[in-house]
PDB file of N, CA and C in Angstrom:
ATOM      1  N   MET A   1     -32.007 -12.898   8.587  1.00  0.00           N
ATOM      2  CA  MET A   1     -30.783 -13.342   9.190  1.00  0.00           C
ATOM      3  C   MET A   1     -30.668 -13.823  10.718  1.00  0.00           C
ATOM      4  N   THR A   2     -30.394 -15.056  11.350  1.00  0.00           N
ATOM      5  CA  THR A   2     -30.386 -15.317  12.578  1.00  0.00           C
ATOM      6  C   THR A   2     -28.983 -14.300  13.399  1.00  0.00           C
ATOM      7  N   LEU A   3     -29.332 -14.544  14.906  1.00  0.00           N
ATOM      8  CA  LEU A   3     -28.229 -13.957  15.193  1.00  0.00           C
ATOM      9  C   LEU A   3     -26.748 -14.826  15.101  1.00  0.00           C
ATOM     10  N   ARG A   4     -26.863 -16.021  14.948  1.00  0.00           N
ATOM     11  CA  ARG A   4     -25.710 -16.990  15.079  1.00  0.00           C
ATOM     12  C   ARG A   4     -25.105 -16.493  13.611  1.00  0.00           C
ATOM     13  N   LYS A   5     -25.976 -16.229  12.558  1.00  0.00           N
ATOM     14  CA  LYS A   5     -25.376 -16.055  11.096  1.00  0.00           C
ATOM     15  C   LYS A   5     -24.615 -14.525  11.207  1.00  0.00           C
ATOM     16  N   ALA A   6     -25.242 -13.636  11.816  1.00  0.00           N
ATOM     17  CA  ALA A   6     -24.647 -12.198  11.967  1.00  0.00           C
ATOM     18  C   ALA A   6     -23.658 -12.313  12.759  1.00  0.00           C
ATOM     19  N   LEU A   7     -23.426 -12.907  13.878  1.00  0.00           N
ATOM     20  CA  LEU A   7     -22.205 -12.941  14.641  1.00  0.00           C
ATOM     21  C   LEU A   7     -21.155 -13.548  13.723  1.00  0.00           C
ATOM     22  N   ALA A   8     -21.200 -14.950  13.179  1.00  0.00           N
ATOM     23  CA  ALA A   8     -20.300 -15.218  12.216  1.00  0.00           C
ATOM     24  C   ALA A   8     -19.689 -14.170  11.041  1.00  0.00           C
ATOM     25  N   ASP A   9     -20.929 -13.671  10.635  1.00  0.00           N
ATOM     26  CA  ASP A   9     -20.508 -12.626   9.581  1.00  0.00           C
ATOM     27  C   ASP A   9     -19.534 -11.332   9.874  1.00  0.00           C
ATOM     28  N   ALA A  10     -19.775 -11.208  11.245  1.00  0.00           N
ATOM     29  CA  ALA A  10     -19.147  -9.911  11.932  1.00  0.00           C
ATOM     30  C   ALA A  10     -17.498 -10.442  12.227  1.00  0.00           C
ATOM     31  N   VAL A  11     -17.540 -11.529  12.667  1.00  0.00           N
ATOM     32  CA  VAL A  11     -16.180 -12.295  13.242  1.00  0.00           C
ATOM     33  C   VAL A  11     -15.287 -12.318  11.929  1.00  0.00           C
ATOM     34  N   GLN A  12     -15.888 -12.847  10.975  1.00  0.00           N
ATOM     35  CA  GLN A  12     -15.163 -12.971   9.568  1.00  0.00           C
ATOM     36  C   GLN A  12     -14.691 -11.649   9.165  1.00  0.00           C
ATOM     37  N   ARG A  13     -15.756 -10.676   9.242  1.00  0.00           N
ATOM     38  CA  ARG A  13     -15.189  -9.575   8.688  1.00  0.00           C
ATOM     39  C   ARG A  13     -14.088  -8.802   9.439  1.00  0.00           C
ATOM     40  N   ALA A  14     -14.440  -8.835  10.866  1.00  0.00           N
ATOM     41  CA  ALA A  14     -13.222  -8.303  11.485  1.00  0.00           C
ATOM     42  C   ALA A  14     -11.355  -9.163  11.409  1.00  0.00           C
ATOM     43  N   THR A  15     -11.789 -10.536  11.181  1.00  0.00           N
ATOM     44  CA  THR A  15     -10.678 -11.229  11.000  1.00  0.00           C
ATOM     45  C   THR A  15      -9.854 -10.557   9.853  1.00  0.00           C
ATOM     46  N   SER A  16     -10.597 -10.567   8.683  1.00  0.00           N
ATOM     47  CA  SER A  16     -10.233 -10.388   7.367  1.00  0.00           C
ATOM     48  C   SER A  16      -9.553  -8.844   7.352  1.00  0.00           C
ATOM     49  N   ARG A  17     -10.252  -7.778   7.807  1.00  0.00           N
ATOM     50  CA  ARG A  17      -9.635  -6.461   8.134  1.00  0.00           C
ATOM     51  C   ARG A  17      -8.454  -6.691   9.069  1.00  0.00           C
ATOM     52  N   ALA A  18      -8.065  -7.595  10.284  1.00  0.00           N
ATOM     53  CA  ALA A  18      -7.175  -7.613  10.600  1.00  0.00           C
ATOM     54  C   ALA A  18      -5.949  -7.944  10.372  1.00  0.00           C
ATOM     55  N   VAL A  19      -6.362  -9.058   9.489  1.00  0.00           N
ATOM     56  CA  VAL A  19      -5.234  -9.723   8.490  1.00  0.00           C
ATOM     57  C   VAL A  19      -4.525  -8.850   7.555  1.00  0.00           C
ATOM     58  N   THR A  20      -5.471  -7.917   6.631  1.00  0.00           N
ATOM     59  CA  THR A  20      -4.987  -7.233   5.908  1.00  0.00           C
ATOM     60  C   THR A  20      -4.381  -6.131   6.529  1.00  0.00           C
ATOM     61  N   GLN A  21      -4.728  -5.316   7.521  1.00  0.00           N
ATOM     62  CA  GLN A  21      -4.233  -4.218   8.110  1.00  0.00           C
ATOM     63  C   GLN A  21      -2.709  -4.552   8.841  1.00  0.00           C
ATOM     64  N   GLU A  22      -2.495  -5.689   9.469  1.00  0.00           N
ATOM     65  CA  GLU A  22      -1.267  -6.054  10.018  1.00  0.00           C
ATOM     66  C   GLU A  22      -0.405  -7.151   9.366  1.00  0.00           C
ATOM     67  N   GLY A  23      -0.570  -7.613   7.881  1.00  0.00           N
ATOM     68  CA  GLY A  23       0.189  -8.192   7.067  1.00  0.00           C
ATOM     69  C   GLY A  23       1.142  -7.347   6.301  1.00  0.00           C
ATOM     70  N   ALA A  24       2.374  -7.963   6.161  1.00  0.00           N
ATOM     71  CA  ALA A  24       2.982  -7.497   5.225  1.00  0.00           C
ATOM     72  C   ALA A  24       3.167  -7.742   3.911  1.00  0.00           C
ATOM     73  N   GLY A  25       3.525  -7.224   2.820  1.00  0.00           N
ATOM     74  CA  GLY A  25       3.110  -7.612   1.318  1.00  0.00           C
ATOM     75  C   GLY A  25       3.464  -6.515   0.311  1.00  0.00           C
ATOM     76  N   TRP A  26       3.006  -6.473  -0.684  1.00  0.00           N
ATOM     77  CA  TRP A  26       3.064  -5.550  -1.723  1.00  0.00           C
ATOM     78  C   TRP A  26       2.102  -5.641  -2.403  1.00  0.00           C
ATOM     79  N   CYS A  27       2.361  -4.054  -3.763  1.00  0.00           N
ATOM     80  CA  CYS A  27       0.951  -3.824  -4.498  1.00  0.00           C
ATOM     81  C   CYS A  27       1.673  -3.219  -5.364  1.00  0.00           C
ATOM     82  N   LEU A  28       0.880  -2.848  -6.466  1.00  0.00           N
ATOM     83  CA  LEU A  28       1.306  -1.845  -7.700  1.00  0.00           C
ATOM     84  C   LEU A  28       0.732  -0.407  -7.295  1.00  0.00           C
ATOM     85  N   ALA A  29       1.362   0.389  -7.595  1.00  0.00           N
ATOM     86  CA  ALA A  29       0.703   1.866  -7.499  1.00  0.00           C
ATOM     87  C   ALA A  29       1.286   2.833  -8.227  1.00  0.00           C
ATOM     88  N   SER A  30       0.602   4.035  -8.506  1.00  0.00           N
ATOM     89  CA  SER A  30       1.097   4.924  -9.341  1.00  0.00           C
ATOM     90  C   SER A  30       1.609   5.911  -8.734  1.00  0.00           C
ATOM     91  N   VAL A  31       2.643   6.553  -9.152  1.00  0.00           N
ATOM     92  CA  VAL A  31       3.276   7.780  -8.262  1.00  0.00           C
ATOM     93  C   VAL A  31       2.516   9.124  -8.574  1.00  0.00           C
ATOM     94  N   THR A  32       2.372   9.754  -7.760  1.00  0.00           N
ATOM     95  CA  THR A  32       1.389  11.437  -7.923  1.00  0.00           C
ATOM     96  C   THR A  32       2.192  12.012  -7.775  1.00  0.00           C
ATOM     97  N   ALA A  33       3.233  12.366  -7.309  1.00  0.00           N
ATOM     98  CA  ALA A  33       4.424  13.334  -6.791  1.00  0.00           C
ATOM     99  C   ALA A  33       5.444  12.964  -6.376  1.00  0.00           C
ATOM    100  N   VAL A  34       6.510  13.866  -6.866  1.00  0.00           N
ATOM    101  CA  VAL A  34       7.852  13.525  -6.208  1.00  0.00           C
ATOM    102  C   VAL A  34       8.429  14.500  -5.411  1.00  0.00           C
ATOM    103  N   TYR A  35       9.317  14.330  -4.542  1.00  0.00           N
ATOM    104  CA  TYR A  35       9.738  15.313  -3.593  1.00  0.00           C
ATOM    105  C   TYR A  35      11.103  15.231  -3.652  1.00  0.00           C
ATOM    106  N   ALA A  36      12.147  16.158  -3.314  1.00  0.00           N
ATOM    107  CA  ALA A  36      13.368  16.226  -3.145  1.00  0.00           C
ATOM    108  C   ALA A  36      14.105  15.461  -2.068  1.00  0.00           C
ATOM    109  N   ASP A  37      13.446  15.149  -1.083  1.00  0.00           N
ATOM    110  CA  ASP A  37      13.956  14.370   0.297  1.00  0.00           C
ATOM    111  C   ASP A  37      13.892  12.961   0.074  1.00  0.00           C
ATOM    112  N   GLY A  38      13.783  12.396  -1.129  1.00  0.00           N
ATOM    113  CA  GLY A  38      13.691  10.919  -1.553  1.00  0.00           C
ATOM    114  C   GLY A  38      12.516  10.107  -0.984  1.00  0.00           C
ATOM    115  N   THR A  39      11.235  10.825  -1.160  1.00  0.00           N
ATOM    116  CA  THR A  39      10.247  10.417  -0.894  1.00  0.00           C
ATOM    117  C   THR A  39       8.895  10.701  -2.290  1.00  0.00           C
ATOM    118  N   VAL A  40       8.102  10.099  -2.285  1.00  0.00           N
ATOM    119  CA  VAL A  40       6.891  10.186  -3.222  1.00  0.00           C
ATOM    120  C   VAL A  40       5.239  10.078  -2.520  1.00  0.00           C
ATOM    121  N   ASP A  41       4.656  10.412  -3.192  1.00  0.00           N
ATOM    122  CA  ASP A  41       3.119  10.205  -2.954  1.00  0.00           C
ATOM    123  C   ASP A  41       2.657   9.203  -3.897  1.00  0.00           C
ATOM    124  N   ILE A  42       1.804   8.404  -3.407  1.00  0.00           N
ATOM    125  CA  ILE A  42       1.576   7.277  -4.470  1.00  0.00           C
ATOM    126  C   ILE A  42       0.167   7.055  -4.468  1.00  0.00           C
ATOM    127  N   ASN A  43      -0.638   5.996  -5.279  1.00  0.00           N
ATOM    128  CA  ASN A  43      -1.996   5.806  -5.287  1.00  0.00           C
ATOM    129  C   ASN A  43      -1.894   4.262  -5.493  1.00  0.00           C
ATOM    130  N   THR A  44      -2.729   3.674  -4.460  1.00  0.00           N
ATOM    131  CA  THR A  44      -2.946   2.165  -4.405  1.00  0.00           C
ATOM    132  C   THR A  44      -4.200   1.821  -4.344  1.00  0.00           C
ATOM    133  N   GLY A  45      -4.395   0.355  -4.686  1.00  0.00           N
ATOM    134  CA  GLY A  45      -5.549   0.055  -4.882  1.00  0.00           C
ATOM    135  C   GLY A  45      -6.454   0.675  -3.075  1.00  0.00           C
ATOM    136  N   ARG A  46      -5.631   0.866  -2.070  1.00  0.00           N
ATOM    137  CA  ARG A  46      -5.893   0.494  -0.829  1.00  0.00           C
ATOM    138  C   ARG A  46      -6.488   2.210  -0.623  1.00  0.00           C
ATOM    139  N   GLY A  47      -5.570   3.117  -1.393  1.00  0.00           N
ATOM    140  CA  GLY A  47      -6.191   4.645  -1.618  1.00  0.00           C
ATOM    141  C   GLY A  47      -4.836   5.548  -1.357  1.00  0.00           C
ATOM    142  N   PRO A  48      -4.733   6.487  -1.505  1.00  0.00           N
ATOM    143  CA  PRO A  48      -3.551   7.417  -1.485  1.00  0.00           C
ATOM    144  C   PRO A  48      -2.770   7.131  -0.521  1.00  0.00           C
ATOM    145  N   ILE A  49      -1.294   7.176  -0.530  1.00  0.00           N
ATOM    146  CA  ILE A  49      -0.322   6.984   0.591  1.00  0.00           C
ATOM    147  C   ILE A  49       0.904   8.236   0.443  1.00  0.00           C
ATOM    148  N   GLN A  50       0.936   9.003   1.180  1.00  0.00           N
ATOM    149  CA  GLN A  50       1.732  10.079   1.052  1.00  0.00           C
ATOM    150  C   GLN A  50       3.498   9.803   1.636  1.00  0.00           C
ATOM    151  N   LYS A  51       4.250  10.310   1.043  1.00  0.00           N
ATOM    152  CA  LYS A  51       5.899  10.689   1.839  1.00  0.00           C
ATOM    153  C   LYS A  51       6.152   8.960   1.704  1.00  0.00           C
ATOM    154  N   VAL A  52       6.248   8.383   0.700  1.00  0.00           N
ATOM    155  CA  VAL A  52       6.865   6.968   0.731  1.00  0.00           C
ATOM    156  C   VAL A  52       8.598   7.211   0.490  1.00  0.00           C
ATOM    157  N   ARG A  53       9.267   6.317   1.249  1.00  0.00           N
ATOM    158  CA  ARG A  53      10.531   6.734   0.871  1.00  0.00           C
ATOM    159  C   ARG A  53      10.697   5.399  -0.387  1.00  0.00           C
ATOM    160  N   ARG A  54      11.768   5.878  -1.185  1.00  0.00           N
ATOM    161  CA  ARG A  54      12.046   4.949  -2.354  1.00  0.00           C
ATOM    162  C   ARG A  54      13.603   4.816  -2.142  1.00  0.00           C
ATOM    163  N   LEU A  55      14.108   3.656  -3.106  1.00  0.00           N
ATOM    164  CA  LEU A  55      15.576   3.234  -2.860  1.00  0.00           C
ATOM    165  C   LEU A  55      15.891   4.661  -3.711  1.00  0.00           C
ATOM    166  N   ARG A  56      17.516   4.632  -3.387  1.00  0.00           N
ATOM    167  CA  ARG A  56      18.332   5.721  -3.949  1.00  0.00           C
ATOM    168  C   ARG A  56      18.691   5.640  -5.334  1.00  0.00           C
ATOM    169  N   ALA A  57      18.632   4.412  -6.097  1.00  0.00           N
ATOM    170  CA  ALA A  57      18.841   4.428  -7.208  1.00  0.00           C
ATOM    171  C   ALA A  57      17.985   4.837  -8.221  1.00  0.00           C
ATOM    172  N   TYR A  58      16.468   4.477  -7.546  1.00  0.00           N
ATOM    173  CA  TYR A  58      15.702   4.821  -8.546  1.00  0.00           C
ATOM    174  C   TYR A  58      15.242   6.409  -8.424  1.00  0.00           C
ATOM    175  N   SER A  59      15.014   6.936  -9.903  1.00  0.00           N
ATOM    176  CA  SER A  59      14.521   8.190  -9.733  1.00  0.00           C
ATOM    177  C   SER A  59      13.162   8.590 -10.365  1.00  0.00           C
ATOM    178  N   PRO A  60      12.207   8.429  -9.565  1.00  0.00           N
ATOM    179  CA  PRO A  60      10.606   8.373  -9.936  1.00  0.00           C
ATOM    180  C   PRO A  60      10.068   9.456 -10.828  1.00  0.00           C
ATOM    181  N   VAL A  61       8.911   9.915 -11.908  1.00  0.00           N
ATOM    182  CA  VAL A  61       8.452  10.445 -12.207  1.00  0.00           C
ATOM    183  C   VAL A  61       6.947  10.522 -12.017  1.00  0.00           C
ATOM    184  N   VAL A  62       6.322  11.396 -11.990  1.00  0.00           N
ATOM    185  CA  VAL A  62       4.704  11.173 -11.836  1.00  0.00           C
ATOM    186  C   VAL A  62       4.042  10.722 -12.979  1.00  0.00           C
ATOM    187  N   GLY A  63       3.625   9.372 -12.736  1.00  0.00           N
ATOM    188  CA  GLY A  63       2.838   8.584 -13.657  1.00  0.00           C
ATOM    189  C   GLY A  63       3.383   7.033 -13.455  1.00  0.00           C
ATOM    190  N   ASP A  64       4.617   6.971 -13.293  1.00  0.00           N
ATOM    191  CA  ASP A  64       5.329   5.720 -13.091  1.00  0.00           C
ATOM    192  C   ASP A  64       4.618   4.754 -12.329  1.00  0.00           C
ATOM    193  N   VAL A  65       4.299   3.691 -12.682  1.00  0.00           N
ATOM    194  CA  VAL A  65       3.611   2.554 -12.010  1.00  0.00           C
ATOM    195  C   VAL A  65       4.957   1.636 -11.404  1.00  0.00           C
ATOM    196  N   VAL A  66       4.737   1.946  -9.921  1.00  0.00           N
ATOM    197  CA  VAL A  66       5.843   1.273  -9.129  1.00  0.00           C
ATOM    198  C   VAL A  66       5.466  -0.274  -8.240  1.00  0.00           C
ATOM    199  N   LYS A  67       6.465  -1.100  -7.761  1.00  0.00           N
ATOM    200  CA  LYS A  67       6.106  -1.958  -6.793  1.00  0.00           C
ATOM    201  C   LYS A  67       6.662  -1.327  -5.199  1.00  0.00           C
ATOM    202  N   ALA A  68       5.490  -1.028  -4.804  1.00  0.00           N
ATOM    203  CA  ALA A  68       5.592  -0.607  -3.060  1.00  0.00           C
ATOM    204  C   ALA A  68       5.019  -1.935  -2.299  1.00  0.00           C
ATOM    205  N   ASP A  69       6.383  -1.981  -1.213  1.00  0.00           N
ATOM    206  CA  ASP A  69       6.611  -3.057  -0.242  1.00  0.00           C
ATOM    207  C   ASP A  69       6.034  -2.282   0.966  1.00  0.00           C
ATOM    208  N   PHE A  70       5.183  -2.831   1.849  1.00  0.00           N
ATOM    209  CA  PHE A  70       4.421  -2.774   3.084  1.00  0.00           C
ATOM    210  C   PHE A  70       4.613  -3.383   4.106  1.00  0.00           C
ATOM    211  N   ASN A  71       4.715  -3.005   5.640  1.00  0.00           N
ATOM    212  CA  ASN A  71       4.952  -3.948   6.531  1.00  0.00           C
ATOM    213  C   ASN A  71       3.561  -3.703   7.619  1.00  0.00           C
ATOM    214  N   ALA A  72       3.708  -4.812   8.172  1.00  0.00           N
ATOM    215  CA  ALA A  72       2.596  -4.422   9.618  1.00  0.00           C
ATOM    216  C   ALA A  72       2.385  -3.023  10.511  1.00  0.00           C
ATOM    217  N   ASP A  73       3.936  -2.513  10.285  1.00  0.00           N
ATOM    218  CA  ASP A  73       3.621  -1.067  11.209  1.00  0.00           C
ATOM    219  C   ASP A  73       3.627   0.031  10.373  1.00  0.00           C
ATOM    220  N   GLY A  74       3.093  -0.590   9.464  1.00  0.00           N
ATOM    221  CA  GLY A  74       2.605   0.955   8.188  1.00  0.00           C
ATOM    222  C   GLY A  74       3.560   1.514   7.669  1.00  0.00           C
ATOM    223  N   ASN A  75       5.047   1.018   7.517  1.00  0.00           N
ATOM    224  CA  ASN A  75       5.862   1.544   6.820  1.00  0.00           C
ATOM    225  C   ASN A  75       5.736   1.003   5.390  1.00  0.00           C
ATOM    226  N   TRP A  76       6.043   1.991   4.347  1.00  0.00           N
ATOM    227  CA  TRP A  76       6.040   1.788   2.944  1.00  0.00           C
ATOM    228  C   TRP A  76       7.424   1.999   2.335  1.00  0.00           C
ATOM    229  N   LEU A  77       7.968   1.315   1.334  1.00  0.00           N
ATOM    230  CA  LEU A  77       8.872   1.485   0.531  1.00  0.00           C
ATOM    231  C   LEU A  77       8.799   1.170  -0.994  1.00  0.00           C
ATOM    232  N   ILE A  78       9.086   2.145  -2.109  1.00  0.00           N
ATOM    233  CA  ILE A  78       9.244   1.931  -3.629  1.00  0.00           C
ATOM    234  C   ILE A  78      10.134   1.325  -3.825  1.00  0.00           C
ATOM    235  N   ALA A  79      10.302   0.364  -4.435  1.00  0.00           N
ATOM    236  CA  ALA A  79      11.482  -0.452  -4.753  1.00  0.00           C
ATOM    237  C   ALA A  79      12.084   0.013  -6.170  1.00  0.00           C
ATOM    238  N   GLY A  80      11.370   0.240  -7.186  1.00  0.00           N
ATOM    239  CA  GLY A  80      11.336   0.985  -8.038  1.00  0.00           C
ATOM    240  C   GLY A  80      10.078   0.922  -9.383  1.00  0.00           C
ATOM    241  N   ALA A  81      10.094   1.155 -10.560  1.00  0.00           N
ATOM    242  CA  ALA A  81       9.211   1.342 -11.507  1.00  0.00           C
ATOM    243  C   ALA A  81       9.446  -0.364 -12.501  1.00  0.00           C
ATOM    244  N   LEU A  82       7.982  -0.424 -12.804  1.00  0.00           N
ATOM    245  CA  LEU A  82       7.908  -1.521 -13.909  1.00  0.00           C
ATOM    246  C   LEU A  82       8.377  -0.619 -15.012  1.00  0.00           C
ATOM    247  N   ALA A  83       8.693  -1.689 -16.114  1.00  0.00           N
ATOM    248  CA  ALA A  83       9.159  -1.233 -17.357  1.00  0.00           C
ATOM    249  C   ALA A  83       7.803  -0.770 -17.932  1.00  0.00           C
ATOM    250  N   PRO A  84       8.216   0.278 -18.918  1.00  0.00           N
ATOM    251  CA  PRO A  84       6.962   0.868 -19.916  1.00  0.00           C
ATOM    252  C   PRO A  84       6.730  -0.264 -20.736  1.00  0.00           C
TER     253      PRO A  84
END
């Protein structure tokens, strides 16, 4: 591998990582724990996330598949569960 190719690959990896980390979006996740303070733990394709806030109208149970929204600041929100 040439130095130019190695540098181009490194720049592409760094750019991809930055876009993924700093972008807002959503994903599907499964609920792994439910707390009385209005938060849940979830498992996403990115890994486990602890103490995620949920909407008040939604009462999750462990095992629910949920839509999780996230923003560039690292904040997460559970909007509700998918229908079984």
